[in-house]
Structure formats: structure tokens, C-alpha cells
Amino acid sequence: MKTKIKYYRELNNMTQEELSQKSDVSRTIISGLENGTLEVTTNTTMEKISKALGVGIVELFYN
């Protein structure tokens, strides 16, 4: 999970702060998901991040 969020974020030339603003998810949560210190999040958060990155939830979080 952590590497896919970072991969797609960087593919979109976004900083964590920019993703945070676009997804309305705190940068702390995004950072935690990317570096593995946070492994569980809500479906709503997953949906917001996926939509902001233009990637399906399954691709981003489950594949």
C-alpha cells in the first residue's frame, strides 16, 4: 500500500501536501500510509485518496 500511494503521487507530480489538499485527507495520514506507520484507514479515506490520484481503490490498496 505505501509504495503504491507514493508511486502514483509521484507519477502525478504531487507532493504529500498537494495530495492532502486535493483529497481532503491530512498529510499526516498520507505520510503514515506511505511509510507504513499507518496500515489501517477508513473506506472514505481510501476513496478520497484514490479519486485524487485518479486510480481505482482496488488497484491502489488491494492489488
PDB file of N, CA and C in Angstrom:
ATOM      1  N   MET A   1       0.824  -1.191   0.000  1.00  0.00           N
ATOM      2  CA  MET A   1       0.000   0.000   0.000  1.00  0.00           C
ATOM      3  C   MET A   1       0.864   1.249   0.000  1.00  0.00           C
ATOM      4  N   LYS A   2       1.858   1.299   0.866  1.00  0.00           N
ATOM      5  CA  LYS A   2       2.647   2.523   0.999  1.00  0.00           C
ATOM      6  C   LYS A   2       3.361   2.888  -0.288  1.00  0.00           C
ATOM      7  N   THR A   3       3.902   1.906  -0.973  1.00  0.00           N
ATOM      8  CA  THR A   3       4.646   2.226  -2.179  1.00  0.00           C
ATOM      9  C   THR A   3       3.722   2.630  -3.320  1.00  0.00           C
ATOM     10  N   LYS A   4       2.521   2.090  -3.377  1.00  0.00           N
ATOM     11  CA  LYS A   4       1.594   2.449  -4.451  1.00  0.00           C
ATOM     12  C   LYS A   4       1.100   3.875  -4.297  1.00  0.00           C
ATOM     13  N   ILE A   5       0.791   4.307  -3.107  1.00  0.00           N
ATOM     14  CA  ILE A   5       0.352   5.684  -2.913  1.00  0.00           C
ATOM     15  C   ILE A   5       1.471   6.629  -3.334  1.00  0.00           C
ATOM     16  N   LYS A   6       2.658   6.358  -2.867  1.00  0.00           N
ATOM     17  CA  LYS A   6       3.792   7.210  -3.219  1.00  0.00           C
ATOM     18  C   LYS A   6       4.067   7.152  -4.721  1.00  0.00           C
ATOM     19  N   TYR A   7       4.015   5.962  -5.287  1.00  0.00           N
ATOM     20  CA  TYR A   7       4.253   5.799  -6.724  1.00  0.00           C
ATOM     21  C   TYR A   7       3.285   6.661  -7.535  1.00  0.00           C
ATOM     22  N   TYR A   8       1.994   6.527  -7.272  1.00  0.00           N
ATOM     23  CA  TYR A   8       1.002   7.288  -8.036  1.00  0.00           C
ATOM     24  C   TYR A   8       1.050   8.778  -7.716  1.00  0.00           C
ATOM     25  N   ARG A   9       1.374   9.118  -6.490  1.00  0.00           N
ATOM     26  CA  ARG A   9       1.510  10.536  -6.131  1.00  0.00           C
ATOM     27  C   ARG A   9       2.655  11.154  -6.930  1.00  0.00           C
ATOM     28  N   GLU A  10       3.786  10.471  -6.969  1.00  0.00           N
ATOM     29  CA  GLU A  10       4.938  10.986  -7.714  1.00  0.00           C
ATOM     30  C   GLU A  10       4.680  10.960  -9.225  1.00  0.00           C
ATOM     31  N   LEU A  11       3.942   9.956  -9.701  1.00  0.00           N
ATOM     32  CA  LEU A  11       3.580   9.884 -11.106  1.00  0.00           C
ATOM     33  C   LEU A  11       2.754  11.103 -11.510  1.00  0.00           C
ATOM     34  N   ASN A  12       1.952  11.605 -10.577  1.00  0.00           N
ATOM     35  CA  ASN A  12       1.137  12.796 -10.797  1.00  0.00           C
ATOM     36  C   ASN A  12       1.870  14.081 -10.424  1.00  0.00           C
ATOM     37  N   ASN A  13       3.168  13.959 -10.128  1.00  0.00           N
ATOM     38  CA  ASN A  13       3.990  15.119  -9.750  1.00  0.00           C
ATOM     39  C   ASN A  13       3.376  15.915  -8.605  1.00  0.00           C
ATOM     40  N   MET A  14       2.956  15.196  -7.570  1.00  0.00           N
ATOM     41  CA  MET A  14       2.332  15.828  -6.423  1.00  0.00           C
ATOM     42  C   MET A  14       3.182  15.621  -5.176  1.00  0.00           C
ATOM     43  N   THR A  15       3.182  16.616  -4.327  1.00  0.00           N
ATOM     44  CA  THR A  15       3.776  16.460  -3.001  1.00  0.00           C
ATOM     45  C   THR A  15       2.714  15.867  -2.084  1.00  0.00           C
ATOM     46  N   GLN A  16       3.140  15.435  -0.915  1.00  0.00           N
ATOM     47  CA  GLN A  16       2.162  14.951   0.061  1.00  0.00           C
ATOM     48  C   GLN A  16       1.175  16.059   0.414  1.00  0.00           C
ATOM     49  N   GLU A  17       1.656  17.275   0.514  1.00  0.00           N
ATOM     50  CA  GLU A  17       0.789  18.406   0.846  1.00  0.00           C
ATOM     51  C   GLU A  17      -0.253  18.644  -0.247  1.00  0.00           C
ATOM     52  N   GLU A  18       0.179  18.550  -1.495  1.00  0.00           N
ATOM     53  CA  GLU A  18      -0.761  18.736  -2.606  1.00  0.00           C
ATOM     54  C   GLU A  18      -1.814  17.634  -2.632  1.00  0.00           C
ATOM     55  N   LEU A  19      -1.394  16.396  -2.395  1.00  0.00           N
ATOM     56  CA  LEU A  19      -2.344  15.288  -2.324  1.00  0.00           C
ATOM     57  C   LEU A  19      -3.293  15.486  -1.157  1.00  0.00           C
ATOM     58  N   SER A  20      -2.769  15.954  -0.055  1.00  0.00           N
ATOM     59  CA  SER A  20      -3.592  16.234   1.114  1.00  0.00           C
ATOM     60  C   SER A  20      -4.690  17.237   0.790  1.00  0.00           C
ATOM     61  N   GLN A  21      -4.317  18.303   0.131  1.00  0.00           N
ATOM     62  CA  GLN A  21      -5.291  19.337  -0.224  1.00  0.00           C
ATOM     63  C   GLN A  21      -6.303  18.822  -1.239  1.00  0.00           C
ATOM     64  N   LYS A  22      -5.848  18.100  -2.242  1.00  0.00           N
ATOM     65  CA  LYS A  22      -6.737  17.602  -3.290  1.00  0.00           C
ATOM     66  C   LYS A  22      -7.694  16.535  -2.772  1.00  0.00           C
ATOM     67  N   SER A  23      -7.242  15.731  -1.825  1.00  0.00           N
ATOM     68  CA  SER A  23      -8.057  14.626  -1.319  1.00  0.00           C
ATOM     69  C   SER A  23      -8.818  14.962  -0.050  1.00  0.00           C
ATOM     70  N   ASP A  24      -8.469  16.070   0.587  1.00  0.00           N
ATOM     71  CA  ASP A  24      -9.054  16.442   1.878  1.00  0.00           C
ATOM     72  C   ASP A  24      -8.756  15.382   2.946  1.00  0.00           C
ATOM     73  N   VAL A  25      -7.543  14.843   2.873  1.00  0.00           N
ATOM     74  CA  VAL A  25      -7.029  13.893   3.862  1.00  0.00           C
ATOM     75  C   VAL A  25      -5.756  14.506   4.421  1.00  0.00           C
ATOM     76  N   SER A  26      -5.571  14.415   5.728  1.00  0.00           N
ATOM     77  CA  SER A  26      -4.414  15.078   6.330  1.00  0.00           C
ATOM     78  C   SER A  26      -3.099  14.523   5.792  1.00  0.00           C
ATOM     79  N   ARG A  27      -2.097  15.391   5.698  1.00  0.00           N
ATOM     80  CA  ARG A  27      -0.780  14.979   5.241  1.00  0.00           C
ATOM     81  C   ARG A  27      -0.198  13.922   6.166  1.00  0.00           C
ATOM     82  N   THR A  28      -0.515  14.000   7.441  1.00  0.00           N
ATOM     83  CA  THR A  28      -0.021  13.020   8.416  1.00  0.00           C
ATOM     84  C   THR A  28      -0.529  11.622   8.073  1.00  0.00           C
ATOM     85  N   ILE A  29      -1.779  11.507   7.686  1.00  0.00           N
ATOM     86  CA  ILE A  29      -2.332  10.206   7.307  1.00  0.00           C
ATOM     87  C   ILE A  29      -1.679   9.712   6.024  1.00  0.00           C
ATOM     88  N   ILE A  30      -1.541  10.591   5.043  1.00  0.00           N
ATOM     89  CA  ILE A  30      -0.900  10.208   3.780  1.00  0.00           C
ATOM     90  C   ILE A  30       0.530   9.741   4.036  1.00  0.00           C
ATOM     91  N   SER A  31       1.261  10.485   4.837  1.00  0.00           N
ATOM     92  CA  SER A  31       2.635  10.117   5.170  1.00  0.00           C
ATOM     93  C   SER A  31       2.676   8.762   5.874  1.00  0.00           C
ATOM     94  N   GLY A  32       1.790   8.565   6.820  1.00  0.00           N
ATOM     95  CA  GLY A  32       1.738   7.298   7.553  1.00  0.00           C
ATOM     96  C   GLY A  32       1.446   6.111   6.651  1.00  0.00           C
ATOM     97  N   LEU A  33       0.525   6.296   5.707  1.00  0.00           N
ATOM     98  CA  LEU A  33       0.209   5.228   4.766  1.00  0.00           C
ATOM     99  C   LEU A  33       1.388   4.945   3.841  1.00  0.00           C
ATOM    100  N   GLU A  34       2.066   5.991   3.419  1.00  0.00           N
ATOM    101  CA  GLU A  34       3.218   5.812   2.525  1.00  0.00           C
ATOM    102  C   GLU A  34       4.384   5.123   3.215  1.00  0.00           C
ATOM    103  N   ASN A  35       4.663   5.470   4.453  1.00  0.00           N
ATOM    104  CA  ASN A  35       5.850   4.905   5.100  1.00  0.00           C
ATOM    105  C   ASN A  35       5.557   3.683   5.962  1.00  0.00           C
ATOM    106  N   GLY A  36       4.288   3.278   6.018  1.00  0.00           N
ATOM    107  CA  GLY A  36       3.938   2.044   6.706  1.00  0.00           C
ATOM    108  C   GLY A  36       3.672   2.169   8.190  1.00  0.00           C
ATOM    109  N   THR A  37       3.748   3.364   8.757  1.00  0.00           N
ATOM    110  CA  THR A  37       3.445   3.507  10.185  1.00  0.00           C
ATOM    111  C   THR A  37       1.941   3.480  10.437  1.00  0.00           C
ATOM    112  N   LEU A  38       1.153   3.682   9.391  1.00  0.00           N
ATOM    113  CA  LEU A  38      -0.299   3.597   9.466  1.00  0.00           C
ATOM    114  C   LEU A  38      -0.731   2.584   8.426  1.00  0.00           C
ATOM    115  N   GLU A  39      -1.310   1.483   8.877  1.00  0.00           N
ATOM    116  CA  GLU A  39      -1.671   0.416   7.948  1.00  0.00           C
ATOM    117  C   GLU A  39      -3.170   0.273   7.757  1.00  0.00           C
ATOM    118  N   VAL A  40      -3.961   0.908   8.608  1.00  0.00           N
ATOM    119  CA  VAL A  40      -5.412   0.791   8.539  1.00  0.00           C
ATOM    120  C   VAL A  40      -5.998   2.185   8.392  1.00  0.00           C
ATOM    121  N   THR A  41      -6.958   2.310   7.491  1.00  0.00           N
ATOM    122  CA  THR A  41      -7.652   3.583   7.322  1.00  0.00           C
ATOM    123  C   THR A  41      -9.091   3.298   6.920  1.00  0.00           C
ATOM    124  N   THR A  42      -9.913   4.315   6.902  1.00  0.00           N
ATOM    125  CA  THR A  42     -11.330   4.128   6.590  1.00  0.00           C
ATOM    126  C   THR A  42     -11.553   4.004   5.085  1.00  0.00           C
ATOM    127  N   ASN A  43     -12.693   3.438   4.729  1.00  0.00           N
ATOM    128  CA  ASN A  43     -13.066   3.351   3.317  1.00  0.00           C
ATOM    129  C   ASN A  43     -13.187   4.737   2.701  1.00  0.00           C
ATOM    130  N   THR A  44     -13.683   5.686   3.467  1.00  0.00           N
ATOM    131  CA  THR A  44     -13.832   7.055   2.978  1.00  0.00           C
ATOM    132  C   THR A  44     -12.477   7.654   2.635  1.00  0.00           C
ATOM    133  N   THR A  45     -11.504   7.447   3.498  1.00  0.00           N
ATOM    134  CA  THR A  45     -10.156   7.961   3.241  1.00  0.00           C
ATOM    135  C   THR A  45      -9.552   7.301   2.007  1.00  0.00           C
ATOM    136  N   MET A  46      -9.718   5.989   1.883  1.00  0.00           N
ATOM    137  CA  MET A  46      -9.203   5.287   0.705  1.00  0.00           C
ATOM    138  C   MET A  46      -9.851   5.839  -0.562  1.00  0.00           C
ATOM    139  N   GLU A  47     -11.146   6.093  -0.513  1.00  0.00           N
ATOM    140  CA  GLU A  47     -11.856   6.617  -1.677  1.00  0.00           C
ATOM    141  C   GLU A  47     -11.358   8.017  -2.048  1.00  0.00           C
ATOM    142  N   LYS A  48     -11.146   8.863  -1.057  1.00  0.00           N
ATOM    143  CA  LYS A  48     -10.674  10.228  -1.308  1.00  0.00           C
ATOM    144  C   LYS A  48      -9.286  10.234  -1.941  1.00  0.00           C
ATOM    145  N   ILE A  49      -8.378   9.411  -1.412  1.00  0.00           N
ATOM    146  CA  ILE A  49      -7.018   9.348  -1.946  1.00  0.00           C
ATOM    147  C   ILE A  49      -7.035   8.778  -3.365  1.00  0.00           C
ATOM    148  N   SER A  50      -7.792   7.715  -3.562  1.00  0.00           N
ATOM    149  CA  SER A  50      -7.879   7.096  -4.886  1.00  0.00           C
ATOM    150  C   SER A  50      -8.405   8.074  -5.922  1.00  0.00           C
ATOM    151  N   LYS A  51      -9.466   8.779  -5.578  1.00  0.00           N
ATOM    152  CA  LYS A  51     -10.055   9.747  -6.505  1.00  0.00           C
ATOM    153  C   LYS A  51      -9.072  10.869  -6.827  1.00  0.00           C
ATOM    154  N   ALA A  52      -8.379  11.360  -5.822  1.00  0.00           N
ATOM    155  CA  ALA A  52      -7.414  12.446  -6.025  1.00  0.00           C
ATOM    156  C   ALA A  52      -6.261  12.012  -6.929  1.00  0.00           C
ATOM    157  N   LEU A  53      -5.910  10.729  -6.876  1.00  0.00           N
ATOM    158  CA  LEU A  53      -4.813  10.218  -7.695  1.00  0.00           C
ATOM    159  C   LEU A  53      -5.283   9.681  -9.042  1.00  0.00           C
ATOM    160  N   GLY A  54      -6.606   9.547  -9.211  1.00  0.00           N
ATOM    161  CA  GLY A  54      -7.142   9.027 -10.460  1.00  0.00           C
ATOM    162  C   GLY A  54      -6.894   7.546 -10.643  1.00  0.00           C
ATOM    163  N   VAL A  55      -6.897   6.811  -9.534  1.00  0.00           N
ATOM    164  CA  VAL A  55      -6.622   5.377  -9.539  1.00  0.00           C
ATOM    165  C   VAL A  55      -7.750   4.682  -8.776  1.00  0.00           C
ATOM    166  N   GLY A  56      -8.133   3.506  -9.216  1.00  0.00           N
ATOM    167  CA  GLY A  56      -9.163   2.756  -8.516  1.00  0.00           C
ATOM    168  C   GLY A  56      -8.710   2.319  -7.127  1.00  0.00           C
ATOM    169  N   ILE A  57      -9.666   2.207  -6.233  1.00  0.00           N
ATOM    170  CA  ILE A  57      -9.370   1.788  -4.860  1.00  0.00           C
ATOM    171  C   ILE A  57      -8.708   0.418  -4.842  1.00  0.00           C
ATOM    172  N   VAL A  58      -9.227  -0.508  -5.624  1.00  0.00           N
ATOM    173  CA  VAL A  58      -8.669  -1.866  -5.640  1.00  0.00           C
ATOM    174  C   VAL A  58      -7.217  -1.837  -6.092  1.00  0.00           C
ATOM    175  N   GLU A  59      -6.937  -1.105  -7.154  1.00  0.00           N
ATOM    176  CA  GLU A  59      -5.563  -1.014  -7.656  1.00  0.00           C
ATOM    177  C   GLU A  59      -4.636  -0.408  -6.621  1.00  0.00           C
ATOM    178  N   LEU A  60      -5.099   0.641  -5.965  1.00  0.00           N
ATOM    179  CA  LEU A  60      -4.242   1.378  -5.030  1.00  0.00           C
ATOM    180  C   LEU A  60      -4.038   0.650  -3.715  1.00  0.00           C
ATOM    181  N   PHE A  61      -5.075   0.024  -3.203  1.00  0.00           N
ATOM    182  CA  PHE A  61      -4.998  -0.536  -1.858  1.00  0.00           C
ATOM    183  C   PHE A  61      -5.012  -2.053  -1.759  1.00  0.00           C
ATOM    184  N   TYR A  62      -5.448  -2.763  -2.803  1.00  0.00           N
ATOM    185  CA  TYR A  62      -5.625  -4.208  -2.657  1.00  0.00           C
ATOM    186  C   TYR A  62      -4.826  -5.065  -3.621  1.00  0.00           C
ATOM    187  N   ASN A  63      -4.316  -4.532  -4.698  1.00  0.00           N
ATOM    188  CA  ASN A  63      -3.540  -5.352  -5.656  1.00  0.00           C
ATOM    189  C   ASN A  63      -2.089  -5.392  -5.274  1.00  0.00           C
TER     190      ASN A  63
END
